Each structure stands twice: as structure tokens, then as C-alpha cells.
Amino acid sequence: MTTPLMQAVQAAALWSGLLILLMLVLSGLVVGERRKHMVSFGDGGNAGLLAASRAFGNCAEYATPGMIALLLMAVVGAPAWMVHAVGATLLVGRVVHALGLLFQTGPSLGRVIGMMLTYTALLTAAVGLIAFSVA
């Protein structure tokens, strides 16, 4: 029988694994753009490489603390459904944001929605971590 703690840890592992896969895909896009345009460092003034680099960088900047928060939520006793909700919201937010960066120039609805979802996930995680750590 799986305990509630193990279910929450498994939820954190699931969403962390999916976020890591997203980062690998985005990193692969950067490598592909670098090879295509023969740029070994920076963006070489290429808009596509800059967009791919920022999509990866933004994902890494927000997904990493998100993954740590998911694991900590599980450890401090947050229920698995809450870990799943935060993880799913974070993943969708990061995917939507990356698509907004990769396929639109300038301000985009994808970037706005992606950041709103990301902020919602991280804020929920932060409040949950505080609440479960003092309870």
C-alpha cells in the first residue's frame, strides 16, 4: 500500500521529470539553432537563436525552484492532489510561455498566460510550504 507521503513524493517526481524533459527539448532547440547558424557562443544576432535561448533560460529559471518546491511540499505533508495541481500548472505555464517566445516576436499572449500560470504555481507552492511547515 502506498502511503500519502509516497503518493505526494511520486507526484513531485512525475512533474519534475516532465519539467526536466521540457528543459531538454528546449535545450535541443538551442543546440539546433546554434548548429544551423554556426554560432558557438551568444546569439550571433540571430533572432531565432535568441528566442530559443530565452525559452530555455526562462524555463530553467522558473522550473528549477518549482521542482524544489514540489519535493518540499511532499516532504512537509502537502497532499498529492496539491502537488499534482502545482506541478501541472507549472508545466503548462512553462510550455505556453516557451511557445509564446518561440513563435511570436515581441509581447505575446502566450508569454503573459505562461507567466500568470507560473506565478500562480509558485505562489501556491510558497503559501503551501509556509502553511504546512508551521502547522
Protein backbone atom coordinates (compact mmCIF):
# COMPACT_ATOMS: atom_id res chain seq x y z
CA MET A 1 0.00 0.00 0.00
CA THR A 2 1.29 3.43 -0.91
CA THR A 3 1.31 5.98 1.90
CA PRO A 4 0.09 9.57 1.42
CA LEU A 5 3.70 10.76 1.74
CA MET A 6 4.84 8.38 -1.01
CA GLN A 7 1.96 9.47 -3.25
CA ALA A 8 2.98 13.12 -2.83
CA VAL A 9 6.65 12.29 -3.49
CA GLN A 10 5.64 10.34 -6.61
CA ALA A 11 3.58 13.34 -7.78
CA ALA A 12 6.61 15.60 -7.28
CA ALA A 13 8.77 13.13 -9.19
CA LEU A 14 6.29 12.94 -12.07
CA TRP A 15 6.06 16.70 -12.61
CA SER A 16 9.78 17.21 -12.05
CA GLY A 17 10.55 14.55 -14.64
CA LEU A 18 8.21 16.20 -17.14
CA LEU A 19 9.73 19.63 -16.47
CA ILE A 20 13.22 18.19 -17.00
CA LEU A 21 12.10 16.70 -20.31
CA LEU A 22 10.76 20.11 -21.33
CA MET A 23 14.12 21.68 -20.49
CA LEU A 24 15.90 19.05 -22.58
CA VAL A 25 13.63 19.75 -25.55
CA LEU A 26 14.20 23.50 -25.22
CA SER A 27 17.95 22.94 -24.86
CA GLY A 28 17.87 20.83 -28.00
CA LEU A 29 16.24 23.72 -29.86
CA VAL A 30 19.10 25.98 -28.79
CA VAL A 31 21.68 23.46 -29.99
CA GLY A 32 19.84 23.08 -33.28
CA GLU A 33 19.76 26.85 -33.83
CA ARG A 34 23.45 27.14 -32.94
CA ARG A 35 24.36 24.46 -35.48
CA LYS A 36 22.07 25.88 -38.13
CA HIS A 37 23.58 29.36 -37.85
CA MET A 38 27.11 28.24 -36.86
CA VAL A 39 27.11 30.25 -33.64
CA SER A 40 29.19 28.82 -30.81
CA PHE A 41 28.54 31.50 -28.17
CA GLY A 42 25.80 34.04 -27.62
CA ASP A 43 23.09 34.51 -30.21
CA GLY A 44 25.18 35.87 -33.09
CA GLY A 45 22.50 38.48 -33.70
CA ASN A 46 20.09 35.75 -34.80
CA ALA A 47 16.52 36.28 -33.60
CA GLY A 48 15.63 32.57 -33.71
CA LEU A 49 18.63 31.62 -31.60
CA LEU A 50 17.90 34.42 -29.14
CA ALA A 51 14.28 33.25 -28.80
CA ALA A 52 15.33 29.61 -28.30
CA SER A 53 17.96 30.62 -25.74
CA ARG A 54 15.48 32.72 -23.78
CA ALA A 55 12.82 29.99 -23.92
CA PHE A 56 15.31 27.55 -22.38
CA GLY A 57 16.71 30.10 -19.93
CA ASN A 58 13.31 31.25 -18.71
CA CYS A 59 12.21 27.66 -18.25
CA ALA A 60 15.32 26.79 -16.25
CA GLU A 61 14.97 29.92 -14.13
CA TYR A 62 11.41 29.12 -13.06
CA ALA A 63 11.17 25.33 -13.31
CA THR A 64 14.15 24.71 -11.04
CA PRO A 65 12.75 26.39 -7.92
CA GLY A 66 9.36 24.93 -8.86
CA MET A 67 10.76 21.40 -8.79
CA ILE A 68 12.41 22.03 -5.44
CA ALA A 69 9.12 23.38 -4.11
CA LEU A 70 7.24 20.29 -5.37
CA LEU A 71 9.55 17.98 -3.45
CA LEU A 72 9.45 20.11 -0.32
CA MET A 73 5.66 20.24 -0.48
CA ALA A 74 5.58 16.45 -0.46
CA VAL A 75 8.05 16.23 2.41
CA VAL A 76 6.20 18.70 4.66
CA GLY A 77 2.91 16.85 4.20
CA ALA A 78 1.06 18.53 1.36
CA PRO A 79 -1.47 16.14 -0.17
CA ALA A 80 -0.66 14.53 -3.51
CA TRP A 81 -3.53 16.37 -5.24
CA MET A 82 -1.95 19.70 -4.29
CA VAL A 83 1.46 18.62 -5.57
CA HIS A 84 -0.19 17.47 -8.82
CA ALA A 85 -2.08 20.75 -9.16
CA VAL A 86 1.05 22.87 -8.66
CA GLY A 87 3.13 20.63 -10.93
CA ALA A 88 0.59 20.60 -13.74
CA THR A 89 0.07 24.37 -13.55
CA LEU A 90 3.82 24.96 -13.60
CA LEU A 91 4.37 22.64 -16.57
CA VAL A 92 1.54 24.15 -18.61
CA GLY A 93 2.76 27.63 -17.75
CA ARG A 94 6.30 26.85 -18.87
CA VAL A 95 5.14 25.21 -22.12
CA VAL A 96 2.79 28.09 -23.00
CA HIS A 97 5.46 30.66 -22.18
CA ALA A 98 8.06 28.86 -24.31
CA LEU A 99 5.66 28.66 -27.24
CA GLY A 100 4.94 32.37 -26.89
CA LEU A 101 8.66 33.12 -27.07
CA LEU A 102 9.41 30.72 -29.91
CA PHE A 103 6.55 31.51 -32.27
CA GLN A 104 5.79 35.19 -31.69
CA THR A 105 8.01 38.24 -31.66
CA GLY A 106 7.58 40.95 -29.06
CA PRO A 107 4.88 40.81 -26.42
CA SER A 108 2.63 37.79 -26.80
CA LEU A 109 -0.44 36.32 -25.17
CA GLY A 110 1.42 33.03 -24.69
CA ARG A 111 4.10 34.71 -22.65
CA VAL A 112 1.56 36.54 -20.50
CA ILE A 113 -0.58 33.44 -19.86
CA GLY A 114 2.53 31.32 -19.29
CA MET A 115 3.86 33.72 -16.67
CA MET A 116 0.47 34.02 -14.97
CA LEU A 117 0.28 30.22 -14.67
CA THR A 118 3.89 30.03 -13.48
CA TYR A 119 3.36 32.73 -10.86
CA THR A 120 0.16 31.01 -9.72
CA ALA A 121 2.00 27.70 -9.31
CA LEU A 122 4.94 29.23 -7.46
CA LEU A 123 2.74 31.38 -5.22
CA THR A 124 0.57 28.37 -4.37
CA ALA A 125 3.69 26.35 -3.60
CA ALA A 126 5.12 29.12 -1.43
CA VAL A 127 1.90 29.54 0.57
CA GLY A 128 1.54 25.76 0.87
CA LEU A 129 5.10 25.35 2.06
CA ILE A 130 4.66 28.03 4.69
CA ALA A 131 1.28 26.68 5.83
CA PHE A 132 2.39 23.06 6.07
CA SER A 133 5.67 23.94 7.77
CA VAL A 134 4.03 25.82 10.64
CA ALA A 135 1.05 23.52 11.12
